[in-house]
C-alpha atoms as a PDB file:
ATOM      1  CA  MET A   1    -133.853 -55.296-218.741  1.00  0.00           C
ATOM      2  CA  ASN A   2    -136.141 -58.136-217.719  1.00  0.00           C
ATOM      3  CA  HIS A   3    -133.848 -60.542-219.533  1.00  0.00           C
ATOM      4  CA  THR A   4    -130.866 -59.310-217.491  1.00  0.00           C
ATOM      5  CA  SER A   5    -132.843 -59.648-214.246  1.00  0.00           C
ATOM      6  CA  ASP A   6    -133.946 -63.183-215.149  1.00  0.00           C
ATOM      7  CA  THR A   7    -130.363 -64.181-215.953  1.00  0.00           C
ATOM      8  CA  ARG A   8    -129.040 -62.721-212.735  1.00  0.00           C
ATOM      9  CA  TYR A   9    -131.540 -64.642-210.598  1.00  0.00           C
ATOM     10  CA  SER A  10    -131.743 -67.827-212.634  1.00  0.00           C
ATOM     11  CA  PRO A  11    -132.161 -71.094-210.666  1.00  0.00           C
ATOM     12  CA  ARG A  12    -128.695 -72.256-211.718  1.00  0.00           C
ATOM     13  CA  ARG A  13    -126.984 -69.116-210.366  1.00  0.00           C
ATOM     14  CA  ILE A  14    -129.015 -69.243-207.159  1.00  0.00           C
ATOM     15  CA  LEU A  15    -128.030 -72.898-206.652  1.00  0.00           C
ATOM     16  CA  ILE A  16    -124.328 -72.160-207.227  1.00  0.00           C
ATOM     17  CA  PHE A  17    -124.486 -69.196-204.853  1.00  0.00           C
ATOM     18  CA  ALA A  18    -126.218 -71.312-202.189  1.00  0.00           C
ATOM     19  CA  LEU A  19    -123.575 -74.053-202.528  1.00  0.00           C
ATOM     20  CA  LEU A  20    -120.755 -71.526-202.202  1.00  0.00           C
ATOM     21  CA  ILE A  21    -122.357 -69.974-199.111  1.00  0.00           C
ATOM     22  CA  SER A  22    -122.813 -73.433-197.585  1.00  0.00           C
ATOM     23  CA  TYR A  23    -119.177 -74.344-198.254  1.00  0.00           C
ATOM     24  CA  ALA A  24    -117.968 -71.043-196.772  1.00  0.00           C
ATOM     25  CA  LEU A  25    -120.023 -71.614-193.615  1.00  0.00           C
ATOM     26  CA  PHE A  26    -118.670 -75.172-193.390  1.00  0.00           C
ATOM     27  CA  CYS A  27    -115.078 -73.894-193.575  1.00  0.00           C
ATOM     28  CA  LEU A  28    -115.680 -71.061-191.099  1.00  0.00           C
ATOM     29  CA  PHE A  29    -117.578 -73.178-188.562  1.00  0.00           C
ATOM     30  CA  PRO A  30    -114.476 -74.488-186.686  1.00  0.00           C
ATOM     31  CA  LEU A  31    -113.065 -70.966-186.395  1.00  0.00           C
ATOM     32  CA  VAL A  32    -116.375 -69.553-185.159  1.00  0.00           C
ATOM     33  CA  LEU A  33    -116.755 -72.450-182.707  1.00  0.00           C
ATOM     34  CA  ALA A  34    -113.246 -71.841-181.338  1.00  0.00           C
ATOM     35  CA  LEU A  35    -113.963 -68.100-181.025  1.00  0.00           C
ATOM     36  CA  VAL A  36    -117.213 -68.672-179.129  1.00  0.00           C
ATOM     37  CA  ASN A  37    -115.694 -71.235-176.763  1.00  0.00           C
ATOM     38  CA  SER A  38    -112.645 -69.045-176.099  1.00  0.00           C
ATOM     39  CA  PHE A  39    -114.941 -66.797-174.042  1.00  0.00           C
ATOM     40  CA  LYS A  40    -116.376 -69.654-171.953  1.00  0.00           C
ATOM     41  CA  THR A  41    -115.331 -71.240-168.704  1.00  0.00           C
ATOM     42  CA  ARG A  42    -113.995 -74.776-168.673  1.00  0.00           C
ATOM     43  CA  SER A  43    -117.265 -76.152-167.266  1.00  0.00           C
ATOM     44  CA  GLU A  44    -119.324 -74.380-169.946  1.00  0.00           C
ATOM     45  CA  ILE A  45    -117.194 -75.914-172.716  1.00  0.00           C
ATOM     46  CA  PHE A  46    -117.698 -79.446-171.419  1.00  0.00           C
ATOM     47  CA  THR A  47    -121.406 -78.851-170.697  1.00  0.00           C
ATOM     48  CA  ASN A  48    -122.414 -77.609-174.156  1.00  0.00           C
ATOM     49  CA  ILE A  49    -119.752 -76.798-176.730  1.00  0.00           C
ATOM     50  CA  ILE A  50    -122.228 -75.244-179.196  1.00  0.00           C
ATOM     51  CA  ALA A  51    -124.066 -72.936-176.776  1.00  0.00           C
ATOM     52  CA  LEU A  52    -123.183 -69.276-176.408  1.00  0.00           C
ATOM     53  CA  PRO A  53    -121.271 -68.256-173.256  1.00  0.00           C
ATOM     54  CA  GLU A  54    -123.339 -67.069-170.296  1.00  0.00           C
ATOM     55  CA  HIS A  55    -120.885 -64.214-169.811  1.00  0.00           C
ATOM     56  CA  LEU A  56    -117.686 -63.333-171.646  1.00  0.00           C
ATOM     57  CA  GLU A  57    -114.494 -64.603-169.986  1.00  0.00           C
ATOM     58  CA  PHE A  58    -111.872 -62.161-171.283  1.00  0.00           C
ATOM     59  CA  GLY A  59    -109.467 -63.519-168.696  1.00  0.00           C
ATOM     60  CA  ASN A  60    -108.878 -66.536-170.933  1.00  0.00           C
ATOM     61  CA  TYR A  61    -106.979 -64.316-173.367  1.00  0.00           C
ATOM     62  CA  GLY A  62    -104.902 -62.732-170.627  1.00  0.00           C
ATOM     63  CA  ARG A  63    -103.967 -66.181-169.347  1.00  0.00           C
ATOM     64  CA  SER A  64    -103.021 -67.318-172.839  1.00  0.00           C
ATOM     65  CA  ILE A  65    -100.867 -64.256-173.526  1.00  0.00           C
ATOM     66  CA  LYS A  66     -98.964 -64.796-170.290  1.00  0.00           C
ATOM     67  CA  SER A  67     -98.616 -68.595-170.497  1.00  0.00           C
ATOM     68  CA  MET A  68     -97.444 -68.759-174.100  1.00  0.00           C
ATOM     69  CA  ARG A  69     -95.303 -65.599-174.026  1.00  0.00           C
ATOM     70  CA  TYR A  70     -97.457 -64.351-176.836  1.00  0.00           C
ATOM     71  CA  PHE A  71     -95.542 -61.258-177.919  1.00  0.00           C
ATOM     72  CA  ARG A  72     -92.167 -63.034-177.932  1.00  0.00           C
ATOM     73  CA  SER A  73     -93.649 -65.920-179.914  1.00  0.00           C
ATOM     74  CA  LEU A  74     -95.372 -63.465-182.257  1.00  0.00           C
ATOM     75  CA  LEU A  75     -92.059 -61.755-183.020  1.00  0.00           C
ATOM     76  CA  ASN A  76     -90.383 -65.137-183.583  1.00  0.00           C
ATOM     77  CA  SER A  77     -93.088 -66.241-186.036  1.00  0.00           C
ATOM     78  CA  ALA A  78     -92.995 -62.874-187.804  1.00  0.00           C
ATOM     79  CA  PHE A  79     -89.195 -62.944-188.095  1.00  0.00           C
ATOM     80  CA  ILE A  80     -89.067 -66.514-189.426  1.00  0.00           C
ATOM     81  CA  SER A  81     -91.899 -65.917-191.898  1.00  0.00           C
ATOM     82  CA  THR A  82     -90.417 -62.628-193.122  1.00  0.00           C
ATOM     83  CA  ALA A  83     -86.927 -64.082-193.536  1.00  0.00           C
ATOM     84  CA  GLY A  84     -88.262 -67.166-195.315  1.00  0.00           C
ATOM     85  CA  LEU A  85     -90.520 -65.150-197.610  1.00  0.00           C
ATOM     86  CA  THR A  86     -87.730 -62.702-198.478  1.00  0.00           C
ATOM     87  CA  GLY A  87     -85.496 -65.573-199.557  1.00  0.00           C
ATOM     88  CA  ILE A  88     -88.275 -67.259-201.533  1.00  0.00           C
ATOM     89  CA  VAL A  89     -89.232 -64.106-203.451  1.00  0.00           C
ATOM     90  CA  PHE A  90     -85.644 -62.970-204.079  1.00  0.00           C
ATOM     91  CA  PHE A  91     -84.232 -66.254-205.379  1.00  0.00           C
ATOM     92  CA  SER A  92     -87.380 -67.584-207.053  1.00  0.00           C
ATOM     93  CA  SER A  93     -88.221 -64.437-209.001  1.00  0.00           C
ATOM     94  CA  ILE A  94     -84.721 -64.241-210.479  1.00  0.00           C
ATOM     95  CA  ALA A  95     -84.598 -67.987-211.159  1.00  0.00           C
ATOM     96  CA  GLY A  96     -88.075 -68.097-212.706  1.00  0.00           C
ATOM     97  CA  TRP A  97     -87.262 -65.175-215.001  1.00  0.00           C
ATOM     98  CA  ALA A  98     -83.837 -66.507-216.006  1.00  0.00           C
ATOM     99  CA  LEU A  99     -85.070 -70.051-216.672  1.00  0.00           C
ATOM    100  CA  CYS A 100     -87.905 -68.711-218.811  1.00  0.00           C
ATOM    101  CA  ARG A 101     -85.866 -66.223-220.853  1.00  0.00           C
ATOM    102  CA  PHE A 102     -82.599 -68.104-221.354  1.00  0.00           C
ATOM    103  CA  LYS A 103     -83.832 -71.334-222.867  1.00  0.00           C
ATOM    104  CA  GLY A 104     -81.608 -74.345-223.368  1.00  0.00           C
ATOM    105  CA  LYS A 105     -81.049 -77.886-222.229  1.00  0.00           C
ATOM    106  CA  LEU A 106     -79.437 -76.773-218.972  1.00  0.00           C
ATOM    107  CA  SER A 107     -82.245 -74.362-218.067  1.00  0.00           C
ATOM    108  CA  THR A 108     -84.849 -77.003-218.918  1.00  0.00           C
ATOM    109  CA  ALA A 109     -83.085 -79.559-216.710  1.00  0.00           C
ATOM    110  CA  ILE A 110     -82.819 -77.097-213.798  1.00  0.00           C
ATOM    111  CA  PHE A 111     -86.470 -76.120-214.116  1.00  0.00           C
ATOM    112  CA  SER A 112     -87.440 -79.804-214.158  1.00  0.00           C
ATOM    113  CA  LEU A 113     -85.530 -80.300-210.894  1.00  0.00           C
ATOM    114  CA  PHE A 114     -87.484 -77.458-209.301  1.00  0.00           C
ATOM    115  CA  VAL A 115     -90.750 -79.023-210.434  1.00  0.00           C
ATOM    116  CA  LEU A 116     -89.701 -82.488-209.241  1.00  0.00           C
ATOM    117  CA  SER A 117     -88.833 -81.081-205.812  1.00  0.00           C
ATOM    118  CA  MET A 118     -92.520 -80.247-205.387  1.00  0.00           C
ATOM    119  CA  LEU A 119     -93.357 -83.948-205.541  1.00  0.00           C
ATOM    120  CA  ILE A 120     -91.098 -84.975-202.641  1.00  0.00           C
ATOM    121  CA  PRO A 121     -93.044 -85.191-199.350  1.00  0.00           C
ATOM    122  CA  PHE A 122     -91.550 -83.455-196.339  1.00  0.00           C
ATOM    123  CA  ASN A 123     -91.571 -86.690-194.304  1.00  0.00           C
ATOM    124  CA  ALA A 124     -89.094 -88.206-196.762  1.00  0.00           C
ATOM    125  CA  ILE A 125     -86.488 -85.469-196.181  1.00  0.00           C
ATOM    126  CA  MET A 126     -87.256 -84.681-192.551  1.00  0.00           C
ATOM    127  CA  ILE A 127     -84.392 -86.621-190.939  1.00  0.00           C
ATOM    128  CA  PRO A 128     -81.690 -85.732-193.548  1.00  0.00           C
ATOM    129  CA  LEU A 129     -82.792 -82.087-193.350  1.00  0.00           C
ATOM    130  CA  TYR A 130     -82.394 -82.046-189.574  1.00  0.00           C
ATOM    131  CA  ARG A 131     -78.923 -83.622-189.761  1.00  0.00           C
ATOM    132  CA  ILE A 132     -77.779 -81.146-192.422  1.00  0.00           C
ATOM    133  CA  ALA A 133     -79.219 -78.216-190.461  1.00  0.00           C
ATOM    134  CA  THR A 134     -77.391 -79.387-187.335  1.00  0.00           C
ATOM    135  CA  VAL A 135     -74.062 -79.657-189.156  1.00  0.00           C
ATOM    136  CA  LEU A 136     -74.519 -76.185-190.685  1.00  0.00           C
ATOM    137  CA  HIS A 137     -75.625 -74.735-187.313  1.00  0.00           C
ATOM    138  CA  LEU A 138     -79.030 -73.764-188.689  1.00  0.00           C
ATOM    139  CA  SER A 139     -81.101 -75.655-186.119  1.00  0.00           C
ATOM    140  CA  ASN A 140     -82.455 -73.824-183.056  1.00  0.00           C
ATOM    141  CA  THR A 141     -81.899 -70.434-184.698  1.00  0.00           C
ATOM    142  CA  LEU A 142     -84.444 -68.054-186.188  1.00  0.00           C
ATOM    143  CA  TRP A 143     -82.178 -67.217-189.155  1.00  0.00           C
ATOM    144  CA  GLY A 144     -81.692 -70.916-189.803  1.00  0.00           C
ATOM    145  CA  MET A 145     -85.441 -71.485-189.884  1.00  0.00           C
ATOM    146  CA  GLY A 146     -85.776 -68.673-192.417  1.00  0.00           C
ATOM    147  CA  TRP A 147     -83.132 -70.235-194.683  1.00  0.00           C
ATOM    148  CA  ILE A 148     -84.734 -73.673-194.417  1.00  0.00           C
ATOM    149  CA  TYR A 149     -88.157 -72.319-195.315  1.00  0.00           C
ATOM    150  CA  SER A 150     -86.619 -70.473-198.269  1.00  0.00           C
ATOM    151  CA  GLY A 151     -85.150 -73.715-199.577  1.00  0.00           C
ATOM    152  CA  LEU A 152     -88.395 -75.624-199.120  1.00  0.00           C
ATOM    153  CA  GLY A 153     -90.514 -72.956-200.802  1.00  0.00           C
ATOM    154  CA  VAL A 154     -88.510 -72.080-203.917  1.00  0.00           C
ATOM    155  CA  GLY A 155     -89.741 -75.046-205.974  1.00  0.00           C
ATOM    156  CA  MET A 156     -93.383 -73.957-206.135  1.00  0.00           C
ATOM    157  CA  ALA A 157     -92.440 -70.265-206.369  1.00  0.00           C
ATOM    158  CA  VAL A 158     -90.082 -70.801-209.335  1.00  0.00           C
ATOM    159  CA  PHE A 159     -92.815 -72.772-211.087  1.00  0.00           C
ATOM    160  CA  MET A 160     -95.332 -69.923-210.587  1.00  0.00           C
ATOM    161  CA  TYR A 161     -92.900 -67.151-211.562  1.00  0.00           C
ATOM    162  CA  HIS A 162     -91.826 -69.126-214.641  1.00  0.00           C
ATOM    163  CA  GLY A 163     -95.416 -69.376-215.832  1.00  0.00           C
ATOM    164  CA  PHE A 164     -96.112 -65.694-215.160  1.00  0.00           C
ATOM    165  CA  VAL A 165     -92.995 -64.431-216.956  1.00  0.00           C
ATOM    166  CA  LYS A 166     -94.217 -66.090-220.168  1.00  0.00           C
ATOM    167  CA  GLY A 167     -96.950 -63.450-220.363  1.00  0.00           C
ATOM    168  CA  ILE A 168     -94.565 -60.482-220.109  1.00  0.00           C
ATOM    169  CA  PRO A 169     -93.684 -59.085-223.556  1.00  0.00           C
ATOM    170  CA  LEU A 170     -90.018 -59.610-224.388  1.00  0.00           C
ATOM    171  CA  ASP A 171     -89.996 -56.266-226.218  1.00  0.00           C
ATOM    172  CA  LEU A 172     -90.017 -54.439-222.872  1.00  0.00           C
ATOM    173  CA  GLU A 173     -86.762 -56.093-221.855  1.00  0.00           C
ATOM    174  CA  ASP A 174     -85.214 -55.496-225.266  1.00  0.00           C
ATOM    175  CA  ALA A 175     -86.109 -51.802-225.044  1.00  0.00           C
ATOM    176  CA  ALA A 176     -84.512 -51.592-221.581  1.00  0.00           C
ATOM    177  CA  ARG A 177     -81.284 -53.134-222.892  1.00  0.00           C
ATOM    178  CA  ILE A 178     -81.234 -50.687-225.819  1.00  0.00           C
ATOM    179  CA  ASP A 179     -81.510 -47.865-223.256  1.00  0.00           C
ATOM    180  CA  GLY A 180     -78.357 -49.165-221.564  1.00  0.00           C
ATOM    181  CA  CYS A 181     -79.706 -51.437-218.818  1.00  0.00           C
ATOM    182  CA  ASN A 182     -77.755 -54.557-217.975  1.00  0.00           C
ATOM    183  CA  LEU A 183     -79.472 -57.810-216.976  1.00  0.00           C
ATOM    184  CA  LEU A 184     -79.753 -56.917-213.297  1.00  0.00           C
ATOM    185  CA  MET A 185     -81.137 -53.442-213.994  1.00  0.00           C
ATOM    186  CA  THR A 186     -83.571 -54.879-216.533  1.00  0.00           C
ATOM    187  CA  PHE A 187     -84.910 -57.334-213.992  1.00  0.00           C
ATOM    188  CA  LYS A 188     -85.056 -54.788-211.170  1.00  0.00           C
ATOM    189  CA  ASN A 189     -86.604 -51.867-213.082  1.00  0.00           C
ATOM    190  CA  VAL A 190     -88.709 -53.599-215.741  1.00  0.00           C
ATOM    191  CA  VAL A 191     -89.481 -57.225-214.933  1.00  0.00           C
ATOM    192  CA  PHE A 192     -89.972 -57.345-211.164  1.00  0.00           C
ATOM    193  CA  PRO A 193     -92.560 -54.509-210.994  1.00  0.00           C
ATOM    194  CA  LEU A 194     -94.646 -56.521-213.478  1.00  0.00           C
ATOM    195  CA  LEU A 195     -94.370 -59.569-211.198  1.00  0.00           C
ATOM    196  CA  LEU A 196     -96.156 -57.897-208.275  1.00  0.00           C
ATOM    197  CA  PRO A 197     -99.511 -59.712-208.762  1.00  0.00           C
ATOM    198  CA  ILE A 198     -97.943 -63.184-208.692  1.00  0.00           C
ATOM    199  CA  THR A 199     -95.568 -62.040-205.929  1.00  0.00           C
ATOM    200  CA  ALA A 200     -98.579 -61.167-203.762  1.00  0.00           C
ATOM    201  CA  THR A 201    -100.026 -64.623-204.415  1.00  0.00           C
ATOM    202  CA  ILE A 202     -96.754 -66.382-203.626  1.00  0.00           C
ATOM    203  CA  GLY A 203     -96.328 -64.187-200.572  1.00  0.00           C
ATOM    204  CA  ILE A 204     -99.661 -64.974-198.951  1.00  0.00           C
ATOM    205  CA  MET A 205     -99.455 -68.690-199.816  1.00  0.00           C
ATOM    206  CA  ASN A 206     -96.029 -69.038-198.218  1.00  0.00           C
ATOM    207  CA  LEU A 207     -96.878 -66.802-195.268  1.00  0.00           C
ATOM    208  CA  LEU A 208     -99.885 -68.971-194.440  1.00  0.00           C
ATOM    209  CA  TRP A 209     -97.756 -72.109-194.791  1.00  0.00           C
ATOM    210  CA  MET A 210     -94.864 -70.870-192.655  1.00  0.00           C
ATOM    211  CA  TRP A 211     -97.089 -69.229-190.055  1.00  0.00           C
ATOM    212  CA  ASN A 212     -99.237 -72.329-189.561  1.00  0.00           C
ATOM    213  CA  ASP A 213     -96.432 -74.894-189.800  1.00  0.00           C
ATOM    214  CA  PHE A 214     -95.929 -76.944-186.655  1.00  0.00           C
ATOM    215  CA  LEU A 215     -93.771 -79.926-187.572  1.00  0.00           C
ATOM    216  CA  LEU A 216     -90.624 -78.153-188.820  1.00  0.00           C
ATOM    217  CA  PRO A 217     -90.343 -75.758-185.835  1.00  0.00           C
ATOM    218  CA  LEU A 218     -91.000 -78.703-183.522  1.00  0.00           C
ATOM    219  CA  ILE A 219     -88.012 -80.520-185.034  1.00  0.00           C
ATOM    220  CA  MET A 220     -85.624 -77.581-185.364  1.00  0.00           C
ATOM    221  CA  LEU A 221     -86.316 -75.362-182.339  1.00  0.00           C
ATOM    222  CA  GLN A 222     -85.392 -76.550-178.868  1.00  0.00           C
ATOM    223  CA  SER A 223     -85.203 -73.283-176.880  1.00  0.00           C
ATOM    224  CA  PRO A 224     -88.590 -71.984-175.572  1.00  0.00           C
ATOM    225  CA  SER A 225     -87.377 -68.415-176.180  1.00  0.00           C
ATOM    226  CA  ARG A 226     -87.326 -69.181-179.936  1.00  0.00           C
ATOM    227  CA  TYR A 227     -90.705 -70.943-180.125  1.00  0.00           C
ATOM    228  CA  THR A 228     -93.234 -69.896-182.735  1.00  0.00           C
ATOM    229  CA  LEU A 229     -96.863 -69.207-181.875  1.00  0.00           C
ATOM    230  CA  LEU A 230     -98.026 -72.753-182.569  1.00  0.00           C
ATOM    231  CA  LEU A 231     -95.193 -74.275-180.541  1.00  0.00           C
ATOM    232  CA  SER A 232     -96.030 -71.969-177.644  1.00  0.00           C
ATOM    233  CA  THR A 233     -99.693 -72.933-177.935  1.00  0.00           C
ATOM    234  CA  ASN A 234     -98.690 -76.587-177.739  1.00  0.00           C
ATOM    235  CA  MET A 235     -97.148 -75.878-174.325  1.00  0.00           C
ATOM    236  CA  LEU A 236    -100.670 -75.249-172.961  1.00  0.00           C
ATOM    237  CA  PHE A 237    -101.562 -78.923-173.429  1.00  0.00           C
ATOM    238  CA  GLY A 238    -100.959 -80.820-170.200  1.00  0.00           C
ATOM    239  CA  LYS A 239    -100.177 -84.503-169.791  1.00  0.00           C
ATOM    240  CA  TYR A 240    -103.290 -85.257-167.756  1.00  0.00           C
ATOM    241  CA  ALA A 241    -105.405 -82.106-168.177  1.00  0.00           C
ATOM    242  CA  SER A 242    -105.527 -79.155-170.546  1.00  0.00           C
ATOM    243  CA  ASP A 243    -106.740 -75.593-170.103  1.00  0.00           C
ATOM    244  CA  TRP A 244    -109.104 -75.590-173.077  1.00  0.00           C
ATOM    245  CA  PRO A 245    -110.365 -71.989-172.712  1.00  0.00           C
ATOM    246  CA  ALA A 246    -106.743 -70.771-172.764  1.00  0.00           C
ATOM    247  CA  ILE A 247    -105.870 -73.119-175.658  1.00  0.00           C
ATOM    248  CA  LEU A 248    -108.766 -71.894-177.791  1.00  0.00           C
ATOM    249  CA  SER A 249    -107.875 -68.284-176.961  1.00  0.00           C
ATOM    250  CA  ALA A 250    -104.276 -68.963-177.976  1.00  0.00           C
ATOM    251  CA  LEU A 251    -105.389 -70.480-181.277  1.00  0.00           C
ATOM    252  CA  ILE A 252    -107.501 -67.402-182.060  1.00  0.00           C
ATOM    253  CA  LEU A 253    -104.584 -65.116-181.177  1.00  0.00           C
ATOM    254  CA  SER A 254    -102.274 -67.192-183.383  1.00  0.00           C
ATOM    255  CA  ALA A 255    -104.612 -67.089-186.387  1.00  0.00           C
ATOM    256  CA  LEU A 256    -105.550 -63.411-186.069  1.00  0.00           C
ATOM    257  CA  PRO A 257    -102.424 -61.872-187.721  1.00  0.00           C
ATOM    258  CA  MET A 258    -102.758 -64.038-190.837  1.00  0.00           C
ATOM    259  CA  ILE A 259    -106.496 -63.344-191.093  1.00  0.00           C
ATOM    260  CA  ILE A 260    -105.729 -59.611-191.104  1.00  0.00           C
ATOM    261  CA  VAL A 261    -102.988 -60.042-193.738  1.00  0.00           C
ATOM    262  CA  TYR A 262    -105.266 -62.139-195.953  1.00  0.00           C
ATOM    263  CA  VAL A 263    -108.116 -59.615-195.750  1.00  0.00           C
ATOM    264  CA  LEU A 264    -105.780 -56.758-196.675  1.00  0.00           C
ATOM    265  CA  LEU A 265    -104.212 -58.630-199.627  1.00  0.00           C
ATOM    266  CA  GLN A 266    -107.283 -60.525-200.841  1.00  0.00           C
ATOM    267  CA  LYS A 267    -107.693 -58.462-204.019  1.00  0.00           C
ATOM    268  CA  HIS A 268    -104.049 -58.965-205.026  1.00  0.00           C
ATOM    269  CA  ILE A 269    -104.185 -62.679-204.263  1.00  0.00           C
ATOM    270  CA  ILE A 270    -107.178 -63.301-206.513  1.00  0.00           C
ATOM    271  CA  LYS A 271    -105.682 -61.121-209.260  1.00  0.00           C
ATOM    272  CA  GLY A 272    -102.350 -62.931-209.050  1.00  0.00           C
ATOM    273  CA  ILE A 273    -103.916 -66.383-209.194  1.00  0.00           C
ATOM    274  CA  THR A 274    -106.097 -65.413-212.184  1.00  0.00           C
ATOM    275  CA  GLU A 275    -103.331 -63.743-214.171  1.00  0.00           C
ATOM    276  CA  GLY A 276    -100.852 -66.496-213.343  1.00  0.00           C
ATOM    277  CA  ALA A 277    -103.266 -69.146-214.594  1.00  0.00           C
ATOM    278  CA  LEU A 278    -104.004 -67.279-217.818  1.00  0.00           C
ATOM    279  CA  LYS A 279    -100.383 -66.408-218.596  1.00  0.00           C
ATOM    280  CA  GLY A 280     -98.919 -69.733-217.489  1.00  0.00           C
END
């Protein structure tokens, strides 16, 4: 028992734990600083940005909600993220499974194209993407943004699904076919339920990316009624002066939904990453 206690509190483990705590505090510091300053007045922020507020200014949040049309922007961001994630999961799960199970030169070439697409920076395709979206009438529409995000996200998702499918026993699919299932029924009833851990990982990764993306909505969306949360927050920045208490409040309000989603799905995310790494 003493040996177990000594191992648990060994200097090496204590040092690793202290480093992890320090890194977590370093990552959380900007968020905590923004939260604290969102309850200050403008003069308090410029006087001492680190100090606690003398009294809580809840009016900053009311001003932010009104100025940025928070609930409309929230629905826009939720719609775009949901549409994009639905397309990514639907197409990538089927493609990852098919490319893994039906091996051949063609499937290898297609999978290689998906992997290569991950290496292309967004800045290199930004202008052609906008021109194509304009021709196809996808720009300045919420549905169009969802389709564009689906196309941009399938490369990484196919790669992750492909690696995860390798760990699923092929005997399960063979048994389903013997029982009379066709390919679609086999995927729907047997394969996809086993993909839930990696689907949760892909889901939260892409939700965070789409929710926090600023550049693509800035390029594609021109109507204020279709702005996402970050685009609406950008409207609070003035040319000569900015309402920093309202801006910080808006940033907290924009980040809050994804923080809640991450906390709720944290267990599935870690499980999906671990199992995907082991099976891939």
